[in-house]
Amino acid sequence: MATRQNSTNGKPKSPRIQVVLPELICEQLTILATNESRTVSNMAKVLIQEGIKKYFEKEIKPPISEININTEKFRDELEKQSIKRLKGAPQRIRYYRKSNDN
């Protein structure tokens, strides 16, 4: 489990983990870090992030996202509304929904 420490100003630091690597992988990680002018720790973080991103792209392939569908519906409804001129600054923004009576 990741451990979390507090910095000297009291704010929590990022979680820390400890990993045991074979000698060869550690050497390769050090070479990669040197080539990209990074610390070994930062290079490991970058590679983990890339690996997680690729994993989820490969494993989880949702059909069309519902968020995109909802966004398209919302945009279409906004575009259908008539244009009204504002009289002064609006007090609040109101979004109108279609009533079920129509």
C-alpha atoms as a PDB file:
ATOM      1  CA  MET A   1       0.000   0.000   0.000  1.00  0.00           C
ATOM      2  CA  ALA A   2       1.215   3.491  -0.803  1.00  0.00           C
ATOM      3  CA  THR A   3       2.329   5.599   2.136  1.00  0.00           C
ATOM      4  CA  ARG A   4       1.641   9.310   2.410  1.00  0.00           C
ATOM      5  CA  GLN A   5       3.852  11.725   4.300  1.00  0.00           C
ATOM      6  CA  ASN A   6       3.438  15.376   5.197  1.00  0.00           C
ATOM      7  CA  SER A   7       5.847  18.066   4.075  1.00  0.00           C
ATOM      8  CA  THR A   8       7.349  20.583   6.472  1.00  0.00           C
ATOM      9  CA  ASN A   9       4.522  23.038   5.776  1.00  0.00           C
ATOM     10  CA  GLY A  10       1.910  20.422   6.696  1.00  0.00           C
ATOM     11  CA  LYS A  11       0.601  19.710   3.199  1.00  0.00           C
ATOM     12  CA  PRO A  12       0.420  16.022   2.265  1.00  0.00           C
ATOM     13  CA  LYS A  13       3.049  14.754  -0.157  1.00  0.00           C
ATOM     14  CA  SER A  14       2.251  12.502  -3.093  1.00  0.00           C
ATOM     15  CA  PRO A  15       1.843   8.807  -2.183  1.00  0.00           C
ATOM     16  CA  ARG A  16       5.054   6.752  -2.142  1.00  0.00           C
ATOM     17  CA  ILE A  17       5.548   3.157  -3.172  1.00  0.00           C
ATOM     18  CA  GLN A  18       8.538   0.870  -3.011  1.00  0.00           C
ATOM     19  CA  VAL A  19       9.368  -1.477  -5.885  1.00  0.00           C
ATOM     20  CA  VAL A  20      12.008  -4.196  -6.070  1.00  0.00           C
ATOM     21  CA  LEU A  21      13.497  -4.491  -9.562  1.00  0.00           C
ATOM     22  CA  PRO A  22      15.867  -6.994 -11.100  1.00  0.00           C
ATOM     23  CA  GLU A  23      19.344  -5.603 -11.705  1.00  0.00           C
ATOM     24  CA  LEU A  24      18.935  -5.504 -15.505  1.00  0.00           C
ATOM     25  CA  ILE A  25      15.675  -3.523 -15.379  1.00  0.00           C
ATOM     26  CA  CYS A  26      17.183  -1.097 -12.887  1.00  0.00           C
ATOM     27  CA  GLU A  27      20.157  -0.500 -15.210  1.00  0.00           C
ATOM     28  CA  GLN A  28      17.857  -0.005 -18.197  1.00  0.00           C
ATOM     29  CA  LEU A  29      15.711   2.431 -16.205  1.00  0.00           C
ATOM     30  CA  THR A  30      18.817   4.382 -15.218  1.00  0.00           C
ATOM     31  CA  ILE A  31      19.930   4.593 -18.866  1.00  0.00           C
ATOM     32  CA  LEU A  32      16.498   5.811 -19.981  1.00  0.00           C
ATOM     33  CA  ALA A  33      16.443   8.410 -17.205  1.00  0.00           C
ATOM     34  CA  THR A  34      19.896   9.674 -18.155  1.00  0.00           C
ATOM     35  CA  ASN A  35      18.946   9.894 -21.837  1.00  0.00           C
ATOM     36  CA  GLU A  36      15.895  12.017 -21.009  1.00  0.00           C
ATOM     37  CA  SER A  37      17.605  14.114 -18.291  1.00  0.00           C
ATOM     38  CA  ARG A  38      15.259  12.794 -15.614  1.00  0.00           C
ATOM     39  CA  THR A  39      15.715  11.240 -12.231  1.00  0.00           C
ATOM     40  CA  VAL A  40      15.299   7.479 -12.067  1.00  0.00           C
ATOM     41  CA  SER A  41      12.248   7.969  -9.878  1.00  0.00           C
ATOM     42  CA  ASN A  42      10.638  10.386 -12.346  1.00  0.00           C
ATOM     43  CA  MET A  43      11.424   8.096 -15.280  1.00  0.00           C
ATOM     44  CA  ALA A  44       9.741   5.209 -13.461  1.00  0.00           C
ATOM     45  CA  LYS A  45       6.690   7.405 -12.858  1.00  0.00           C
ATOM     46  CA  VAL A  46       6.477   8.360 -16.547  1.00  0.00           C
ATOM     47  CA  LEU A  47       6.794   4.742 -17.690  1.00  0.00           C
ATOM     48  CA  ILE A  48       4.147   3.599 -15.203  1.00  0.00           C
ATOM     49  CA  GLN A  49       1.765   6.327 -16.407  1.00  0.00           C
ATOM     50  CA  GLU A  50       2.305   5.334 -20.041  1.00  0.00           C
ATOM     51  CA  GLY A  51       1.830   1.657 -19.218  1.00  0.00           C
ATOM     52  CA  ILE A  52      -1.419   2.305 -17.352  1.00  0.00           C
ATOM     53  CA  LYS A  53      -2.725   4.479 -20.195  1.00  0.00           C
ATOM     54  CA  LYS A  54      -1.920   1.786 -22.792  1.00  0.00           C
ATOM     55  CA  TYR A  55      -3.460  -0.902 -20.601  1.00  0.00           C
ATOM     56  CA  PHE A  56      -6.777   0.897 -20.307  1.00  0.00           C
ATOM     57  CA  GLU A  57      -6.802   1.798 -24.004  1.00  0.00           C
ATOM     58  CA  LYS A  58      -6.268  -1.878 -24.865  1.00  0.00           C
ATOM     59  CA  GLU A  59      -8.493  -3.509 -22.238  1.00  0.00           C
ATOM     60  CA  ILE A  60     -11.379  -1.086 -22.024  1.00  0.00           C
ATOM     61  CA  LYS A  61     -12.830  -0.205 -25.398  1.00  0.00           C
ATOM     62  CA  PRO A  62     -16.235   1.289 -24.689  1.00  0.00           C
ATOM     63  CA  PRO A  63     -18.544   1.728 -27.651  1.00  0.00           C
ATOM     64  CA  ILE A  64     -19.574   5.360 -28.066  1.00  0.00           C
ATOM     65  CA  SER A  65     -19.253   7.211 -24.811  1.00  0.00           C
ATOM     66  CA  GLU A  66     -22.514   8.249 -23.211  1.00  0.00           C
ATOM     67  CA  ILE A  67     -20.900  11.527 -22.272  1.00  0.00           C
ATOM     68  CA  ASN A  68     -20.329  12.321 -25.952  1.00  0.00           C
ATOM     69  CA  ILE A  69     -23.913  11.379 -26.786  1.00  0.00           C
ATOM     70  CA  ASN A  70     -25.270  13.567 -23.984  1.00  0.00           C
ATOM     71  CA  THR A  71     -23.013  16.427 -25.071  1.00  0.00           C
ATOM     72  CA  GLU A  72     -24.279  16.185 -28.639  1.00  0.00           C
ATOM     73  CA  LYS A  73     -27.909  16.186 -27.473  1.00  0.00           C
ATOM     74  CA  PHE A  74     -27.267  19.177 -25.216  1.00  0.00           C
ATOM     75  CA  ARG A  75     -25.518  21.074 -28.027  1.00  0.00           C
ATOM     76  CA  ASP A  76     -28.337  20.317 -30.470  1.00  0.00           C
ATOM     77  CA  GLU A  77     -30.947  21.563 -27.995  1.00  0.00           C
ATOM     78  CA  LEU A  78     -29.007  24.767 -27.388  1.00  0.00           C
ATOM     79  CA  GLU A  79     -28.652  25.387 -31.112  1.00  0.00           C
ATOM     80  CA  LYS A  80     -32.413  24.945 -31.621  1.00  0.00           C
ATOM     81  CA  GLN A  81     -33.242  27.687 -29.099  1.00  0.00           C
ATOM     82  CA  SER A  82     -34.040  31.101 -30.485  1.00  0.00           C
ATOM     83  CA  ILE A  83     -31.526  33.903 -30.055  1.00  0.00           C
ATOM     84  CA  LYS A  84     -32.590  36.514 -27.492  1.00  0.00           C
ATOM     85  CA  ARG A  85     -30.896  39.805 -26.809  1.00  0.00           C
ATOM     86  CA  LEU A  86     -29.826  40.393 -23.240  1.00  0.00           C
ATOM     87  CA  LYS A  87     -30.899  43.493 -21.374  1.00  0.00           C
ATOM     88  CA  GLY A  88     -28.009  44.111 -19.058  1.00  0.00           C
ATOM     89  CA  ALA A  89     -26.023  41.438 -17.287  1.00  0.00           C
ATOM     90  CA  PRO A  90     -27.977  38.258 -16.525  1.00  0.00           C
ATOM     91  CA  GLN A  91     -28.669  37.486 -12.896  1.00  0.00           C
ATOM     92  CA  ARG A  92     -28.356  33.766 -13.507  1.00  0.00           C
ATOM     93  CA  ILE A  93     -28.217  31.413 -16.428  1.00  0.00           C
ATOM     94  CA  ARG A  94     -31.298  29.301 -17.013  1.00  0.00           C
ATOM     95  CA  TYR A  95     -31.328  26.166 -19.107  1.00  0.00           C
ATOM     96  CA  TYR A  96     -34.724  25.135 -20.387  1.00  0.00           C
ATOM     97  CA  ARG A  97     -35.671  21.512 -20.765  1.00  0.00           C
ATOM     98  CA  LYS A  98     -38.320  20.206 -23.060  1.00  0.00           C
ATOM     99  CA  SER A  99     -41.464  19.479 -21.144  1.00  0.00           C
ATOM    100  CA  ASN A 100     -43.080  16.076 -21.503  1.00  0.00           C
ATOM    101  CA  ASP A 101     -46.379  17.781 -22.448  1.00  0.00           C
ATOM    102  CA  ASN A 102     -45.227  18.411 -26.062  1.00  0.00           C
END
